Amino acid sequence: MSTFCERLSNLRHEKNLTLDDLANKIGTTKSTISRYENGMRQPKQDILEALANYFEVTTDYLLGRTNQKYFRADETISFHSKGKLSDKDMKMVRDLIDRLVKDHKEEEKKKD
């Protein structure tokens, strides 16, 4: 469980969030976040998903099941399409995702 504690703490610090900030963002309390980071408590599924969504990482990454923070586009597309897309269609979807990510990053930079 120490991996979860460390990863949660690292992600929170990367975003320069206080315990209160993170608690407010995901709908819990400062003491609950502190307990997670200190290994005194494990999150229920809804909180784990809220944390993963907020930090835009996978729940598997948070739990230490993988070192890969994000889903790769190919894995996600393959999982959802179950081989129904041609190579040409897969390329089109990858290109679309790449463009959306690029646009999102540009918008985030404008906010900062």
N, C-alpha and C. Protein backbone atom coordinates (compact mmCIF):
# COMPACT_ATOMS: atom_id res chain seq x y z
N MET A 1 0.81 -1.21 0.00
CA MET A 1 0.00 0.00 0.00
C MET A 1 0.85 1.27 0.00
N SER A 2 2.13 1.14 0.38
CA SER A 2 2.98 2.32 0.43
C SER A 2 3.09 2.98 -0.94
N THR A 3 2.99 2.20 -2.01
CA THR A 3 3.05 2.79 -3.35
C THR A 3 1.92 3.78 -3.54
N PHE A 4 0.70 3.40 -3.13
CA PHE A 4 -0.44 4.31 -3.25
C PHE A 4 -0.18 5.60 -2.48
N CYS A 5 0.29 5.47 -1.26
CA CYS A 5 0.58 6.64 -0.42
C CYS A 5 1.56 7.58 -1.11
N GLU A 6 2.64 7.00 -1.58
CA GLU A 6 3.69 7.80 -2.22
C GLU A 6 3.19 8.45 -3.50
N ARG A 7 2.47 7.68 -4.30
CA ARG A 7 2.00 8.23 -5.57
C ARG A 7 0.97 9.33 -5.36
N LEU A 8 0.07 9.13 -4.42
CA LEU A 8 -0.91 10.18 -4.14
C LEU A 8 -0.21 11.45 -3.66
N SER A 9 0.70 11.31 -2.74
CA SER A 9 1.44 12.46 -2.23
C SER A 9 2.22 13.15 -3.35
N ASN A 10 2.90 12.36 -4.16
CA ASN A 10 3.68 12.95 -5.27
C ASN A 10 2.80 13.70 -6.25
N LEU A 11 1.67 13.11 -6.61
CA LEU A 11 0.76 13.76 -7.55
C LEU A 11 0.22 15.07 -6.96
N ARG A 12 -0.12 15.04 -5.69
CA ARG A 12 -0.63 16.24 -5.03
C ARG A 12 0.43 17.34 -5.02
N HIS A 13 1.66 16.96 -4.69
CA HIS A 13 2.74 17.95 -4.66
C HIS A 13 3.08 18.47 -6.06
N GLU A 14 3.01 17.61 -7.06
CA GLU A 14 3.27 18.05 -8.45
C GLU A 14 2.31 19.16 -8.86
N LYS A 15 1.10 19.12 -8.35
CA LYS A 15 0.10 20.15 -8.67
C LYS A 15 0.08 21.28 -7.64
N ASN A 16 1.02 21.22 -6.69
CA ASN A 16 1.12 22.25 -5.65
C ASN A 16 -0.20 22.42 -4.89
N LEU A 17 -0.81 21.30 -4.55
CA LEU A 17 -2.08 21.32 -3.82
C LEU A 17 -1.86 21.05 -2.34
N THR A 18 -2.62 21.73 -1.52
CA THR A 18 -2.63 21.40 -0.09
C THR A 18 -3.57 20.22 0.10
N LEU A 19 -3.55 19.66 1.29
CA LEU A 19 -4.50 18.59 1.61
C LEU A 19 -5.93 19.10 1.45
N ASP A 20 -6.18 20.31 1.93
CA ASP A 20 -7.51 20.91 1.79
C ASP A 20 -7.92 21.07 0.33
N ASP A 21 -6.99 21.56 -0.49
CA ASP A 21 -7.28 21.76 -1.91
C ASP A 21 -7.76 20.46 -2.55
N LEU A 22 -6.98 19.40 -2.34
CA LEU A 22 -7.32 18.12 -2.95
C LEU A 22 -8.63 17.58 -2.40
N ALA A 23 -8.80 17.67 -1.11
CA ALA A 23 -10.04 17.19 -0.48
C ALA A 23 -11.25 17.89 -1.09
N ASN A 24 -11.17 19.19 -1.26
CA ASN A 24 -12.28 19.95 -1.84
C ASN A 24 -12.53 19.56 -3.30
N LYS A 25 -11.47 19.28 -4.03
CA LYS A 25 -11.62 18.93 -5.45
C LYS A 25 -12.31 17.59 -5.64
N ILE A 26 -12.09 16.66 -4.72
CA ILE A 26 -12.69 15.33 -4.91
C ILE A 26 -13.83 15.02 -3.96
N GLY A 27 -14.17 15.97 -3.11
CA GLY A 27 -15.33 15.79 -2.25
C GLY A 27 -15.12 14.94 -1.02
N THR A 28 -14.00 15.17 -0.36
CA THR A 28 -13.73 14.46 0.90
C THR A 28 -13.12 15.46 1.88
N THR A 29 -12.47 14.97 2.92
CA THR A 29 -11.91 15.87 3.92
C THR A 29 -10.38 15.84 3.91
N LYS A 30 -9.82 16.88 4.49
CA LYS A 30 -8.36 16.99 4.63
C LYS A 30 -7.82 15.80 5.41
N SER A 31 -8.49 15.43 6.48
CA SER A 31 -7.99 14.33 7.31
C SER A 31 -8.03 13.00 6.56
N THR A 32 -9.01 12.83 5.69
CA THR A 32 -9.07 11.60 4.90
C THR A 32 -7.89 11.51 3.94
N ILE A 33 -7.60 12.61 3.26
CA ILE A 33 -6.44 12.64 2.34
C ILE A 33 -5.16 12.38 3.13
N SER A 34 -5.04 12.99 4.28
CA SER A 34 -3.86 12.78 5.13
C SER A 34 -3.73 11.31 5.51
N ARG A 35 -4.81 10.67 5.86
CA ARG A 35 -4.78 9.25 6.22
C ARG A 35 -4.36 8.39 5.03
N TYR A 36 -4.82 8.75 3.83
CA TYR A 36 -4.39 8.00 2.63
C TYR A 36 -2.88 8.14 2.45
N GLU A 37 -2.39 9.35 2.55
CA GLU A 37 -0.97 9.60 2.31
C GLU A 37 -0.08 9.00 3.40
N ASN A 38 -0.62 8.81 4.58
CA ASN A 38 0.15 8.22 5.68
C ASN A 38 -0.06 6.72 5.81
N GLY A 39 -0.83 6.13 4.90
CA GLY A 39 -1.04 4.69 4.89
C GLY A 39 -1.96 4.19 5.98
N MET A 40 -2.72 5.08 6.56
CA MET A 40 -3.62 4.70 7.65
C MET A 40 -5.00 4.26 7.15
N ARG A 41 -5.25 4.54 5.89
CA ARG A 41 -6.56 4.25 5.33
C ARG A 41 -6.44 4.01 3.83
N GLN A 42 -7.30 3.16 3.30
CA GLN A 42 -7.35 2.91 1.87
C GLN A 42 -8.64 3.51 1.32
N PRO A 43 -8.58 4.08 0.12
CA PRO A 43 -9.78 4.70 -0.44
C PRO A 43 -10.78 3.66 -0.94
N LYS A 44 -12.05 4.01 -0.84
CA LYS A 44 -13.08 3.20 -1.47
C LYS A 44 -13.03 3.46 -2.97
N GLN A 45 -13.69 2.62 -3.73
CA GLN A 45 -13.63 2.69 -5.19
C GLN A 45 -14.01 4.07 -5.73
N ASP A 46 -15.06 4.69 -5.19
CA ASP A 46 -15.50 5.98 -5.72
C ASP A 46 -14.45 7.07 -5.51
N ILE A 47 -13.77 7.04 -4.38
CA ILE A 47 -12.72 8.03 -4.12
C ILE A 47 -11.49 7.73 -4.96
N LEU A 48 -11.15 6.45 -5.10
CA LEU A 48 -10.02 6.07 -5.95
C LEU A 48 -10.25 6.56 -7.38
N GLU A 49 -11.45 6.38 -7.88
CA GLU A 49 -11.78 6.84 -9.24
C GLU A 49 -11.76 8.36 -9.33
N ALA A 50 -12.24 9.04 -8.29
CA ALA A 50 -12.21 10.50 -8.28
C ALA A 50 -10.77 11.01 -8.30
N LEU A 51 -9.90 10.37 -7.54
CA LEU A 51 -8.48 10.75 -7.55
C LEU A 51 -7.86 10.51 -8.92
N ALA A 52 -8.11 9.35 -9.48
CA ALA A 52 -7.55 9.04 -10.81
C ALA A 52 -8.06 10.03 -11.86
N ASN A 53 -9.34 10.34 -11.80
CA ASN A 53 -9.90 11.30 -12.75
C ASN A 53 -9.30 12.68 -12.56
N TYR A 54 -9.19 13.10 -11.32
CA TYR A 54 -8.65 14.43 -11.06
C TYR A 54 -7.21 14.55 -11.57
N PHE A 55 -6.39 13.55 -11.25
CA PHE A 55 -4.98 13.60 -11.65
C PHE A 55 -4.74 13.10 -13.07
N GLU A 56 -5.80 12.61 -13.71
CA GLU A 56 -5.73 12.10 -15.08
C GLU A 56 -4.71 10.97 -15.20
N VAL A 57 -4.79 10.04 -14.24
CA VAL A 57 -3.96 8.84 -14.25
C VAL A 57 -4.88 7.63 -14.13
N THR A 58 -4.33 6.45 -14.30
CA THR A 58 -5.14 5.25 -14.14
C THR A 58 -5.20 4.84 -12.68
N THR A 59 -6.26 4.14 -12.32
CA THR A 59 -6.34 3.62 -10.95
C THR A 59 -5.24 2.59 -10.73
N ASP A 60 -4.88 1.85 -11.76
CA ASP A 60 -3.79 0.88 -11.64
C ASP A 60 -2.48 1.57 -11.28
N TYR A 61 -2.24 2.74 -11.86
CA TYR A 61 -1.03 3.49 -11.51
C TYR A 61 -1.07 3.90 -10.04
N LEU A 62 -2.20 4.46 -9.61
CA LEU A 62 -2.32 4.88 -8.21
C LEU A 62 -2.08 3.72 -7.25
N LEU A 63 -2.59 2.55 -7.59
CA LEU A 63 -2.48 1.39 -6.72
C LEU A 63 -1.14 0.66 -6.83
N GLY A 64 -0.29 1.09 -7.77
CA GLY A 64 1.01 0.48 -7.91
C GLY A 64 1.02 -0.79 -8.76
N ARG A 65 -0.06 -1.02 -9.48
CA ARG A 65 -0.13 -2.21 -10.33
C ARG A 65 0.65 -2.03 -11.62
N THR A 66 0.92 -0.79 -11.98
CA THR A 66 1.69 -0.47 -13.18
C THR A 66 2.45 0.83 -12.94
N ASN A 67 3.51 1.02 -13.67
CA ASN A 67 4.24 2.28 -13.61
C ASN A 67 3.80 3.23 -14.71
N GLN A 68 2.90 2.77 -15.56
CA GLN A 68 2.39 3.58 -16.66
C GLN A 68 1.25 4.45 -16.11
N LYS A 69 1.47 5.77 -16.08
CA LYS A 69 0.48 6.67 -15.51
C LYS A 69 -0.79 6.75 -16.35
N TYR A 70 -0.62 6.78 -17.65
CA TYR A 70 -1.73 7.07 -18.54
C TYR A 70 -2.02 5.89 -19.45
N PHE A 71 -3.26 5.80 -19.91
CA PHE A 71 -3.58 4.82 -20.93
C PHE A 71 -2.92 5.27 -22.22
N ARG A 72 -2.36 4.35 -22.94
CA ARG A 72 -1.87 4.67 -24.27
C ARG A 72 -3.06 4.64 -25.20
N ALA A 73 -3.08 5.53 -26.16
CA ALA A 73 -4.21 5.64 -27.08
C ALA A 73 -4.49 4.31 -27.78
N ASP A 74 -3.44 3.62 -28.23
CA ASP A 74 -3.63 2.35 -28.94
C ASP A 74 -4.32 1.31 -28.06
N GLU A 75 -3.92 1.25 -26.79
CA GLU A 75 -4.53 0.28 -25.88
C GLU A 75 -6.00 0.60 -25.66
N THR A 76 -6.30 1.87 -25.47
CA THR A 76 -7.68 2.28 -25.21
C THR A 76 -8.55 2.04 -26.42
N ILE A 77 -8.07 2.40 -27.59
CA ILE A 77 -8.84 2.21 -28.82
C ILE A 77 -9.06 0.73 -29.06
N SER A 78 -8.02 -0.06 -28.92
CA SER A 78 -8.15 -1.50 -29.15
C SER A 78 -9.13 -2.13 -28.17
N PHE A 79 -9.09 -1.70 -26.92
CA PHE A 79 -9.99 -2.23 -25.92
C PHE A 79 -11.45 -1.94 -26.27
N HIS A 80 -11.70 -0.71 -26.67
CA HIS A 80 -13.09 -0.32 -26.94
C HIS A 80 -13.60 -0.80 -28.30
N SER A 81 -12.72 -0.89 -29.28
CA SER A 81 -13.18 -1.30 -30.61
C SER A 81 -13.13 -2.81 -30.81
N LYS A 82 -12.35 -3.50 -29.96
CA LYS A 82 -12.20 -4.96 -30.03
C LYS A 82 -11.89 -5.44 -31.46
N GLY A 83 -10.96 -4.74 -32.10
CA GLY A 83 -10.49 -5.17 -33.43
C GLY A 83 -11.41 -4.83 -34.58
N LYS A 84 -12.41 -3.99 -34.35
CA LYS A 84 -13.36 -3.67 -35.40
C LYS A 84 -12.89 -2.54 -36.32
N LEU A 85 -11.81 -1.88 -35.96
CA LEU A 85 -11.32 -0.78 -36.77
C LEU A 85 -10.19 -1.23 -37.68
N SER A 86 -10.21 -0.72 -38.90
CA SER A 86 -9.12 -1.00 -39.84
C SER A 86 -7.89 -0.21 -39.40
N ASP A 87 -6.75 -0.54 -39.99
CA ASP A 87 -5.52 0.20 -39.67
C ASP A 87 -5.69 1.68 -40.00
N LYS A 88 -6.35 1.97 -41.10
CA LYS A 88 -6.58 3.36 -41.52
C LYS A 88 -7.45 4.08 -40.47
N ASP A 89 -8.50 3.42 -40.02
CA ASP A 89 -9.37 4.02 -39.01
C ASP A 89 -8.63 4.21 -37.69
N MET A 90 -7.79 3.24 -37.31
CA MET A 90 -7.00 3.37 -36.08
C MET A 90 -6.08 4.59 -36.16
N LYS A 91 -5.47 4.79 -37.31
CA LYS A 91 -4.59 5.95 -37.49
C LYS A 91 -5.38 7.24 -37.36
N MET A 92 -6.56 7.27 -37.94
CA MET A 92 -7.40 8.45 -37.87
C MET A 92 -7.77 8.77 -36.41
N VAL A 93 -8.11 7.75 -35.65
CA VAL A 93 -8.48 7.95 -34.25
C VAL A 93 -7.26 8.41 -33.45
N ARG A 94 -6.10 7.79 -33.69
CA ARG A 94 -4.87 8.21 -32.99
C ARG A 94 -4.55 9.67 -33.30
N ASP A 95 -4.67 10.05 -34.57
CA ASP A 95 -4.40 11.44 -34.95
C ASP A 95 -5.37 12.40 -34.27
N LEU A 96 -6.63 12.01 -34.18
CA LEU A 96 -7.63 12.84 -33.51
C LEU A 96 -7.30 13.00 -32.03
N ILE A 97 -6.93 11.92 -31.39
CA ILE A 97 -6.57 11.98 -29.97
C ILE A 97 -5.34 12.86 -29.77
N ASP A 98 -4.35 12.69 -30.62
CA ASP A 98 -3.14 13.52 -30.52
C ASP A 98 -3.50 15.00 -30.64
N ARG A 99 -4.39 15.31 -31.56
CA ARG A 99 -4.80 16.71 -31.76
C ARG A 99 -5.56 17.24 -30.53
N LEU A 100 -6.45 16.42 -29.99
CA LEU A 100 -7.21 16.83 -28.81
C LEU A 100 -6.28 17.07 -27.62
N VAL A 101 -5.31 16.20 -27.44
CA VAL A 101 -4.35 16.36 -26.34
C VAL A 101 -3.55 17.65 -26.53
N LYS A 102 -3.10 17.87 -27.74
CA LYS A 102 -2.33 19.09 -28.04
C LYS A 102 -3.17 20.33 -27.76
N ASP A 103 -4.42 20.34 -28.21
CA ASP A 103 -5.31 21.48 -27.97
C ASP A 103 -5.54 21.69 -26.48
N HIS A 104 -5.74 20.59 -25.75
CA HIS A 104 -5.96 20.68 -24.31
C HIS A 104 -4.74 21.29 -23.62
N LYS A 105 -3.56 20.85 -23.98
CA LYS A 105 -2.34 21.38 -23.37
C LYS A 105 -2.17 22.87 -23.67
N GLU A 106 -2.52 23.27 -24.89
CA GLU A 106 -2.43 24.68 -25.24
C GLU A 106 -3.41 25.51 -24.43
N GLU A 107 -4.60 25.01 -24.22
CA GLU A 107 -5.61 25.70 -23.41
C GLU A 107 -5.15 25.81 -21.96
N GLU A 108 -4.55 24.76 -21.44
CA GLU A 108 -4.05 24.78 -20.06
C GLU A 108 -2.94 25.81 -19.90
N LYS A 109 -2.08 25.93 -20.90
CA LYS A 109 -0.99 26.93 -20.83
C LYS A 109 -1.56 28.35 -20.81
N LYS A 110 -2.64 28.56 -21.57
CA LYS A 110 -3.27 29.89 -21.60
C LYS A 110 -3.86 30.26 -20.25
N LYS A 111 -4.35 29.25 -19.50
CA LYS A 111 -4.94 29.49 -18.19
C LYS A 111 -3.89 29.90 -17.17
N ASP A 112 -2.68 29.35 -17.33
CA ASP A 112 -1.59 29.62 -16.36
C ASP A 112 -1.02 30.97 -16.65
